[in-house]
Amino acid sequence: MPSGAQKLAAQLLDRTAKGLPDWPLAAITAVSATGGTDGQALCTVSYHGASLNLPHFSQYTPVVGHVVVLIRAGGQWIVAGRPIGFP
């Protein structure tokens, strides 16, 4: 069962997705090399004080400390990758 912080983070993510064109940013706090149900790496991200375990796209290799973009697809939040090259 999700904690209160996890519920709040999920509500904030949903509100962000519905009300704004911006994608939320989160920080990777841990990576479990085989934590996913498919045996692939699973990211733990910090979003508004909650730790969320999320999948990531295969082209991105998660690294602790990266700030990443989250997107919602099929009812699931996914780590899309790390934005780089800011001016």
N, C-alpha and C. Protein backbone atom coordinates (compact mmCIF):
# COMPACT_ATOMS: atom_id res chain seq x y z
N MET A 1 0.84 -1.18 0.00
CA MET A 1 0.00 0.00 0.00
C MET A 1 0.89 1.25 0.00
N PRO A 2 0.62 2.22 -0.88
CA PRO A 2 1.44 3.43 -0.95
C PRO A 2 1.36 4.24 0.34
N SER A 3 2.47 4.87 0.68
CA SER A 3 2.50 5.75 1.84
C SER A 3 1.79 7.06 1.51
N GLY A 4 1.58 7.88 2.54
CA GLY A 4 0.96 9.18 2.32
C GLY A 4 1.77 10.05 1.38
N ALA A 5 3.11 10.01 1.52
CA ALA A 5 3.99 10.79 0.63
C ALA A 5 3.88 10.30 -0.80
N GLN A 6 3.77 8.98 -0.98
CA GLN A 6 3.66 8.43 -2.33
C GLN A 6 2.32 8.82 -2.96
N LYS A 7 1.25 8.81 -2.17
CA LYS A 7 -0.06 9.22 -2.69
C LYS A 7 -0.03 10.69 -3.10
N LEU A 8 0.59 11.53 -2.25
CA LEU A 8 0.69 12.95 -2.57
C LEU A 8 1.49 13.16 -3.85
N ALA A 9 2.61 12.45 -3.97
CA ALA A 9 3.44 12.59 -5.18
C ALA A 9 2.65 12.16 -6.41
N ALA A 10 1.90 11.07 -6.31
CA ALA A 10 1.09 10.60 -7.44
C ALA A 10 0.04 11.64 -7.81
N GLN A 11 -0.60 12.25 -6.81
CA GLN A 11 -1.60 13.28 -7.08
C GLN A 11 -0.97 14.50 -7.74
N LEU A 12 0.22 14.89 -7.27
CA LEU A 12 0.91 16.03 -7.88
C LEU A 12 1.31 15.73 -9.32
N LEU A 13 1.78 14.51 -9.56
CA LEU A 13 2.14 14.13 -10.93
C LEU A 13 0.91 14.17 -11.83
N ASP A 14 -0.20 13.62 -11.35
CA ASP A 14 -1.42 13.62 -12.15
C ASP A 14 -1.92 15.03 -12.42
N ARG A 15 -1.87 15.89 -11.41
CA ARG A 15 -2.30 17.28 -11.58
C ARG A 15 -1.40 17.99 -12.58
N THR A 16 -0.10 17.74 -12.49
CA THR A 16 0.85 18.35 -13.43
C THR A 16 0.54 17.90 -14.85
N ALA A 17 0.28 16.62 -15.02
CA ALA A 17 0.03 16.08 -16.36
C ALA A 17 -1.25 16.64 -16.96
N LYS A 18 -2.26 16.89 -16.13
CA LYS A 18 -3.54 17.39 -16.63
C LYS A 18 -3.55 18.89 -16.87
N GLY A 19 -2.82 19.63 -16.01
CA GLY A 19 -2.94 21.07 -16.05
C GLY A 19 -1.85 21.82 -16.78
N LEU A 20 -0.73 21.20 -17.01
CA LEU A 20 0.39 21.92 -17.59
C LEU A 20 1.02 21.14 -18.74
N PRO A 21 1.59 21.85 -19.72
CA PRO A 21 2.28 21.14 -20.80
C PRO A 21 3.66 20.63 -20.38
N ASP A 22 4.18 21.12 -19.23
CA ASP A 22 5.51 20.70 -18.79
C ASP A 22 5.49 19.28 -18.25
N TRP A 23 6.60 18.58 -18.47
CA TRP A 23 6.77 17.26 -17.88
C TRP A 23 7.49 17.43 -16.55
N PRO A 24 7.08 16.67 -15.53
CA PRO A 24 7.73 16.81 -14.23
C PRO A 24 9.17 16.28 -14.26
N LEU A 25 10.00 16.88 -13.39
CA LEU A 25 11.38 16.44 -13.21
C LEU A 25 11.51 15.75 -11.86
N ALA A 26 12.36 14.76 -11.78
CA ALA A 26 12.62 14.04 -10.54
C ALA A 26 14.11 13.70 -10.50
N ALA A 27 14.60 13.36 -9.32
CA ALA A 27 16.01 12.99 -9.16
C ALA A 27 16.11 11.50 -8.88
N ILE A 28 17.04 10.83 -9.56
CA ILE A 28 17.26 9.40 -9.30
C ILE A 28 18.05 9.27 -8.01
N THR A 29 17.51 8.47 -7.09
CA THR A 29 18.16 8.26 -5.80
C THR A 29 18.73 6.86 -5.64
N ALA A 30 18.27 5.92 -6.47
CA ALA A 30 18.79 4.55 -6.40
C ALA A 30 18.49 3.84 -7.71
N VAL A 31 19.30 2.84 -8.01
CA VAL A 31 19.08 2.00 -9.18
C VAL A 31 19.28 0.55 -8.75
N SER A 32 18.26 -0.27 -8.98
CA SER A 32 18.35 -1.70 -8.69
C SER A 32 18.59 -2.41 -10.01
N ALA A 33 19.75 -3.02 -10.14
CA ALA A 33 20.16 -3.60 -11.43
C ALA A 33 19.16 -4.60 -12.00
N THR A 34 18.50 -5.37 -11.18
CA THR A 34 17.54 -6.35 -11.67
C THR A 34 16.22 -6.24 -10.91
N GLY A 35 15.84 -5.01 -10.56
CA GLY A 35 14.65 -4.80 -9.74
C GLY A 35 13.32 -4.89 -10.46
N GLY A 36 13.33 -4.77 -11.77
CA GLY A 36 12.08 -4.83 -12.52
C GLY A 36 11.55 -6.25 -12.63
N THR A 37 10.26 -6.38 -12.87
CA THR A 37 9.67 -7.71 -13.00
C THR A 37 10.19 -8.45 -14.22
N ASP A 38 10.77 -7.71 -15.18
CA ASP A 38 11.35 -8.33 -16.36
C ASP A 38 12.85 -8.56 -16.21
N GLY A 39 13.38 -8.33 -15.00
CA GLY A 39 14.80 -8.54 -14.75
C GLY A 39 15.68 -7.37 -15.12
N GLN A 40 15.08 -6.29 -15.60
CA GLN A 40 15.83 -5.10 -15.99
C GLN A 40 15.96 -4.15 -14.81
N ALA A 41 16.78 -3.12 -14.98
CA ALA A 41 17.01 -2.14 -13.91
C ALA A 41 15.72 -1.38 -13.60
N LEU A 42 15.57 -1.06 -12.32
CA LEU A 42 14.44 -0.27 -11.84
C LEU A 42 14.99 0.95 -11.15
N CYS A 43 14.45 2.12 -11.47
CA CYS A 43 14.90 3.38 -10.87
C CYS A 43 14.05 3.71 -9.66
N THR A 44 14.69 4.28 -8.66
CA THR A 44 13.96 4.93 -7.57
C THR A 44 14.22 6.41 -7.73
N VAL A 45 13.13 7.17 -7.83
CA VAL A 45 13.27 8.61 -7.99
C VAL A 45 12.64 9.32 -6.80
N SER A 46 13.14 10.51 -6.52
CA SER A 46 12.57 11.36 -5.49
C SER A 46 11.74 12.43 -6.18
N TYR A 47 10.46 12.48 -5.84
CA TYR A 47 9.57 13.49 -6.40
C TYR A 47 8.75 14.07 -5.25
N HIS A 48 8.96 15.34 -4.95
CA HIS A 48 8.25 16.03 -3.86
C HIS A 48 8.34 15.25 -2.55
N GLY A 49 9.51 14.71 -2.25
CA GLY A 49 9.73 14.04 -0.98
C GLY A 49 9.32 12.58 -0.92
N ALA A 50 8.77 12.06 -2.00
CA ALA A 50 8.38 10.65 -2.03
C ALA A 50 9.35 9.86 -2.89
N SER A 51 9.61 8.63 -2.49
CA SER A 51 10.43 7.72 -3.29
C SER A 51 9.49 6.85 -4.12
N LEU A 52 9.66 6.90 -5.43
CA LEU A 52 8.82 6.13 -6.35
C LEU A 52 9.70 5.20 -7.17
N ASN A 53 9.32 3.94 -7.28
CA ASN A 53 10.02 2.98 -8.12
C ASN A 53 9.38 3.01 -9.50
N LEU A 54 10.19 3.37 -10.51
CA LEU A 54 9.65 3.55 -11.85
C LEU A 54 10.52 2.86 -12.89
N PRO A 55 9.90 2.41 -13.98
CA PRO A 55 10.68 1.87 -15.10
C PRO A 55 11.29 3.02 -15.90
N HIS A 56 12.17 2.68 -16.82
CA HIS A 56 12.79 3.69 -17.68
C HIS A 56 12.87 3.15 -19.10
N PHE A 57 13.05 4.06 -20.05
CA PHE A 57 13.21 3.64 -21.44
C PHE A 57 14.58 3.01 -21.65
N SER A 58 14.66 2.08 -22.56
CA SER A 58 15.89 1.31 -22.75
C SER A 58 17.07 2.14 -23.24
N GLN A 59 16.83 3.26 -23.91
CA GLN A 59 17.95 4.06 -24.41
C GLN A 59 18.64 4.87 -23.32
N TYR A 60 18.03 4.95 -22.14
CA TYR A 60 18.61 5.72 -21.04
C TYR A 60 19.15 4.77 -19.98
N THR A 61 20.38 4.99 -19.57
CA THR A 61 20.98 4.23 -18.47
C THR A 61 20.90 5.08 -17.21
N PRO A 62 20.08 4.67 -16.24
CA PRO A 62 19.90 5.50 -15.04
C PRO A 62 21.16 5.55 -14.18
N VAL A 63 21.42 6.73 -13.63
CA VAL A 63 22.57 6.97 -12.76
C VAL A 63 22.09 7.78 -11.57
N VAL A 64 22.47 7.35 -10.37
CA VAL A 64 22.08 8.07 -9.16
C VAL A 64 22.57 9.51 -9.26
N GLY A 65 21.68 10.44 -8.94
CA GLY A 65 22.01 11.86 -9.00
C GLY A 65 21.50 12.56 -10.24
N HIS A 66 21.19 11.82 -11.29
CA HIS A 66 20.65 12.45 -12.50
C HIS A 66 19.28 13.05 -12.20
N VAL A 67 19.02 14.20 -12.79
CA VAL A 67 17.68 14.77 -12.81
C VAL A 67 17.06 14.31 -14.12
N VAL A 68 15.87 13.71 -14.03
CA VAL A 68 15.26 13.08 -15.19
C VAL A 68 13.84 13.61 -15.43
N VAL A 69 13.38 13.43 -16.65
CA VAL A 69 12.03 13.79 -17.06
C VAL A 69 11.13 12.57 -16.88
N LEU A 70 9.95 12.80 -16.30
CA LEU A 70 8.96 11.73 -16.17
C LEU A 70 7.83 11.98 -17.17
N ILE A 71 7.36 10.91 -17.79
CA ILE A 71 6.20 11.01 -18.66
C ILE A 71 5.19 9.94 -18.25
N ARG A 72 3.95 10.17 -18.60
CA ARG A 72 2.90 9.21 -18.27
C ARG A 72 2.47 8.51 -19.55
N ALA A 73 2.50 7.20 -19.51
CA ALA A 73 2.10 6.40 -20.67
C ALA A 73 1.31 5.20 -20.19
N GLY A 74 0.11 5.05 -20.68
CA GLY A 74 -0.72 3.91 -20.31
C GLY A 74 -0.99 3.79 -18.83
N GLY A 75 -1.12 4.93 -18.14
CA GLY A 75 -1.41 4.90 -16.73
C GLY A 75 -0.21 4.69 -15.83
N GLN A 76 0.98 4.61 -16.41
CA GLN A 76 2.22 4.37 -15.65
C GLN A 76 3.19 5.52 -15.88
N TRP A 77 3.80 6.02 -14.81
CA TRP A 77 4.86 7.00 -14.95
C TRP A 77 6.15 6.29 -15.33
N ILE A 78 6.90 6.87 -16.26
CA ILE A 78 8.13 6.28 -16.79
C ILE A 78 9.22 7.34 -16.81
N VAL A 79 10.44 6.94 -16.47
CA VAL A 79 11.60 7.82 -16.60
C VAL A 79 11.95 7.87 -18.07
N ALA A 80 11.77 9.04 -18.68
CA ALA A 80 12.03 9.18 -20.11
C ALA A 80 13.52 9.32 -20.40
N GLY A 81 14.23 9.98 -19.51
CA GLY A 81 15.66 10.19 -19.71
C GLY A 81 16.10 11.47 -19.06
N ARG A 82 17.33 11.80 -19.31
CA ARG A 82 17.97 12.96 -18.69
C ARG A 82 18.08 14.09 -19.69
N PRO A 83 17.49 15.24 -19.37
CA PRO A 83 17.69 16.38 -20.27
C PRO A 83 19.13 16.92 -20.13
N ILE A 84 19.76 17.18 -21.25
CA ILE A 84 21.15 17.68 -21.23
C ILE A 84 21.28 18.81 -22.25
N GLY A 85 22.39 19.51 -22.20
CA GLY A 85 22.69 20.52 -23.20
C GLY A 85 21.96 21.83 -22.99
N PHE A 86 21.64 22.16 -21.76
CA PHE A 86 20.99 23.44 -21.52
C PHE A 86 21.93 24.60 -21.84
N PRO A 87 21.40 25.69 -22.41
CA PRO A 87 22.25 26.85 -22.72
C PRO A 87 22.67 27.59 -21.46
